[in-house]
Amino acid sequence: MIGNIYSNIKMSQEDRILLHLINNGKISNKECNEIYGFRHLPSVIRYLRKRNIKITSEPRNGKNRFGGNVYWVDYTLAPMREQPHQVQKMIQNFKLQYGAK
């Protein structure tokens, strides 16, 4: 098992990221690649947003190991009270099904 407790469960990329957001609140493209092996998180986030799941994008910047400027985005799941009712139900079902926090 590599990196997470859900790695042996057959799930779509979108469901894995949604579950990660439910449990951890946020994720970056780098974390997504390191934990799940997905290389393009923005497309997964776009799909989740099309399902009316409210996810915010928070731009970040810093320095890489060579001192160069780098830019990335942290994606954060909006609080339950801001999610549409149908999304709240879906999130509750995810929590029950996968034992999420």
C-alpha atoms as a PDB file:
ATOM      1  CA  MET A   1       0.000   0.000   0.000  1.00  0.00           C
ATOM      2  CA  ILE A   2       1.515   3.290  -1.115  1.00  0.00           C
ATOM      3  CA  GLY A   3       0.749   6.499   0.720  1.00  0.00           C
ATOM      4  CA  ASN A   4      -2.912   6.249   1.661  1.00  0.00           C
ATOM      5  CA  ILE A   5      -5.475   3.921   3.151  1.00  0.00           C
ATOM      6  CA  TYR A   6      -7.660   3.959   0.023  1.00  0.00           C
ATOM      7  CA  SER A   7      -5.017   2.788  -2.449  1.00  0.00           C
ATOM      8  CA  ASN A   8      -6.412  -0.768  -2.545  1.00  0.00           C
ATOM      9  CA  ILE A   9     -10.017   0.359  -3.114  1.00  0.00           C
ATOM     10  CA  LYS A  10     -11.128   0.637  -6.750  1.00  0.00           C
ATOM     11  CA  MET A  11     -12.139   4.292  -7.126  1.00  0.00           C
ATOM     12  CA  SER A  12     -12.085   6.879  -9.895  1.00  0.00           C
ATOM     13  CA  GLN A  13      -9.554   9.706  -9.734  1.00  0.00           C
ATOM     14  CA  GLU A  14     -12.387  12.113  -9.014  1.00  0.00           C
ATOM     15  CA  ASP A  15     -13.669  10.032  -6.096  1.00  0.00           C
ATOM     16  CA  ARG A  16     -10.163   9.698  -4.619  1.00  0.00           C
ATOM     17  CA  ILE A  17      -9.629  13.440  -4.756  1.00  0.00           C
ATOM     18  CA  LEU A  18     -13.070  14.154  -3.325  1.00  0.00           C
ATOM     19  CA  LEU A  19     -12.380  11.753  -0.468  1.00  0.00           C
ATOM     20  CA  HIS A  20      -8.985  13.402   0.097  1.00  0.00           C
ATOM     21  CA  LEU A  21     -10.661  16.814   0.222  1.00  0.00           C
ATOM     22  CA  ILE A  22     -13.292  15.536   2.655  1.00  0.00           C
ATOM     23  CA  ASN A  23     -10.600  14.112   4.954  1.00  0.00           C
ATOM     24  CA  ASN A  24      -7.910  16.765   4.596  1.00  0.00           C
ATOM     25  CA  GLY A  25      -9.663  19.886   3.366  1.00  0.00           C
ATOM     26  CA  LYS A  26      -7.151  20.760   0.639  1.00  0.00           C
ATOM     27  CA  ILE A  27      -4.704  19.375  -1.902  1.00  0.00           C
ATOM     28  CA  SER A  28      -2.090  20.698  -4.329  1.00  0.00           C
ATOM     29  CA  ASN A  29      -1.000  19.238  -7.657  1.00  0.00           C
ATOM     30  CA  LYS A  30       2.305  18.145  -6.091  1.00  0.00           C
ATOM     31  CA  GLU A  31       0.552  16.310  -3.232  1.00  0.00           C
ATOM     32  CA  CYS A  32      -1.821  14.700  -5.717  1.00  0.00           C
ATOM     33  CA  ASN A  33       1.084  13.413  -7.789  1.00  0.00           C
ATOM     34  CA  GLU A  34       3.047  12.170  -4.768  1.00  0.00           C
ATOM     35  CA  ILE A  35       0.112  10.469  -3.019  1.00  0.00           C
ATOM     36  CA  TYR A  36      -2.084   9.233  -5.883  1.00  0.00           C
ATOM     37  CA  GLY A  37       0.158   9.403  -8.945  1.00  0.00           C
ATOM     38  CA  PHE A  38      -2.221  11.719 -10.842  1.00  0.00           C
ATOM     39  CA  ARG A  39      -0.342  14.257 -12.917  1.00  0.00           C
ATOM     40  CA  HIS A  40      -3.058  16.783 -13.728  1.00  0.00           C
ATOM     41  CA  LEU A  41      -5.166  17.703 -10.728  1.00  0.00           C
ATOM     42  CA  PRO A  42      -6.842  20.729 -12.379  1.00  0.00           C
ATOM     43  CA  SER A  43      -8.787  18.464 -14.750  1.00  0.00           C
ATOM     44  CA  VAL A  44     -10.033  16.375 -11.810  1.00  0.00           C
ATOM     45  CA  ILE A  45     -11.048  19.554  -9.957  1.00  0.00           C
ATOM     46  CA  ARG A  46     -12.849  20.812 -13.076  1.00  0.00           C
ATOM     47  CA  TYR A  47     -14.849  17.554 -13.215  1.00  0.00           C
ATOM     48  CA  LEU A  48     -15.780  17.827  -9.522  1.00  0.00           C
ATOM     49  CA  ARG A  49     -16.891  21.425 -10.012  1.00  0.00           C
ATOM     50  CA  LYS A  50     -19.113  20.316 -12.902  1.00  0.00           C
ATOM     51  CA  ARG A  51     -20.828  18.075 -10.327  1.00  0.00           C
ATOM     52  CA  ASN A  52     -21.612  21.296  -8.368  1.00  0.00           C
ATOM     53  CA  ILE A  53     -19.027  20.594  -5.656  1.00  0.00           C
ATOM     54  CA  LYS A  54     -17.724  23.916  -4.410  1.00  0.00           C
ATOM     55  CA  ILE A  55     -13.931  23.937  -4.396  1.00  0.00           C
ATOM     56  CA  THR A  56     -11.888  27.107  -4.060  1.00  0.00           C
ATOM     57  CA  SER A  57      -8.522  27.768  -5.675  1.00  0.00           C
ATOM     58  CA  GLU A  58      -5.868  29.510  -3.628  1.00  0.00           C
ATOM     59  CA  PRO A  59      -2.793  30.673  -5.583  1.00  0.00           C
ATOM     60  CA  ARG A  60       0.546  30.184  -3.815  1.00  0.00           C
ATOM     61  CA  ASN A  61       4.118  31.070  -4.643  1.00  0.00           C
ATOM     62  CA  GLY A  62       7.518  30.346  -3.247  1.00  0.00           C
ATOM     63  CA  LYS A  63      11.014  29.261  -4.194  1.00  0.00           C
ATOM     64  CA  ASN A  64      12.211  25.947  -5.559  1.00  0.00           C
ATOM     65  CA  ARG A  65      15.362  24.182  -4.369  1.00  0.00           C
ATOM     66  CA  PHE A  66      17.424  26.234  -6.829  1.00  0.00           C
ATOM     67  CA  GLY A  67      16.051  29.563  -5.577  1.00  0.00           C
ATOM     68  CA  GLY A  68      13.783  30.087  -8.572  1.00  0.00           C
ATOM     69  CA  ASN A  69      10.269  31.385  -8.267  1.00  0.00           C
ATOM     70  CA  VAL A  70       7.512  28.774  -8.383  1.00  0.00           C
ATOM     71  CA  TYR A  71       3.738  29.054  -8.488  1.00  0.00           C
ATOM     72  CA  TRP A  72       1.079  26.507  -7.522  1.00  0.00           C
ATOM     73  CA  VAL A  73      -2.555  26.295  -6.467  1.00  0.00           C
ATOM     74  CA  ASP A  74      -4.056  24.738  -3.352  1.00  0.00           C
ATOM     75  CA  TYR A  75      -7.582  23.434  -3.925  1.00  0.00           C
ATOM     76  CA  THR A  76      -9.840  23.595  -0.867  1.00  0.00           C
ATOM     77  CA  LEU A  77     -13.243  22.014  -0.315  1.00  0.00           C
ATOM     78  CA  ALA A  78     -15.758  24.688   0.686  1.00  0.00           C
ATOM     79  CA  PRO A  79     -17.475  24.180   4.071  1.00  0.00           C
ATOM     80  CA  MET A  80     -20.517  21.888   4.123  1.00  0.00           C
ATOM     81  CA  ARG A  81     -22.892  24.803   4.777  1.00  0.00           C
ATOM     82  CA  GLU A  82     -21.790  26.350   1.446  1.00  0.00           C
ATOM     83  CA  GLN A  83     -22.301  23.149  -0.555  1.00  0.00           C
ATOM     84  CA  PRO A  84     -25.599  22.558  -2.377  1.00  0.00           C
ATOM     85  CA  HIS A  85     -27.961  20.181  -0.569  1.00  0.00           C
ATOM     86  CA  GLN A  86     -27.379  17.349  -3.069  1.00  0.00           C
ATOM     87  CA  VAL A  87     -23.601  17.667  -2.600  1.00  0.00           C
ATOM     88  CA  GLN A  88     -24.002  17.596   1.182  1.00  0.00           C
ATOM     89  CA  LYS A  89     -25.862  14.289   0.833  1.00  0.00           C
ATOM     90  CA  MET A  90     -23.188  12.910  -1.495  1.00  0.00           C
ATOM     91  CA  ILE A  91     -20.435  13.887   0.958  1.00  0.00           C
ATOM     92  CA  GLN A  92     -22.312  12.231   3.824  1.00  0.00           C
ATOM     93  CA  ASN A  93     -22.645   9.051   1.742  1.00  0.00           C
ATOM     94  CA  PHE A  94     -18.910   9.126   1.005  1.00  0.00           C
ATOM     95  CA  LYS A  95     -18.164   9.423   4.704  1.00  0.00           C
ATOM     96  CA  LEU A  96     -20.369   6.429   5.494  1.00  0.00           C
ATOM     97  CA  GLN A  97     -19.134   4.314   2.598  1.00  0.00           C
ATOM     98  CA  TYR A  98     -15.416   4.892   3.081  1.00  0.00           C
ATOM     99  CA  GLY A  99     -15.211   5.636   6.790  1.00  0.00           C
ATOM    100  CA  ALA A 100     -14.043   9.173   6.174  1.00  0.00           C
ATOM    101  CA  LYS A 101     -13.588  11.674   8.998  1.00  0.00           C
END
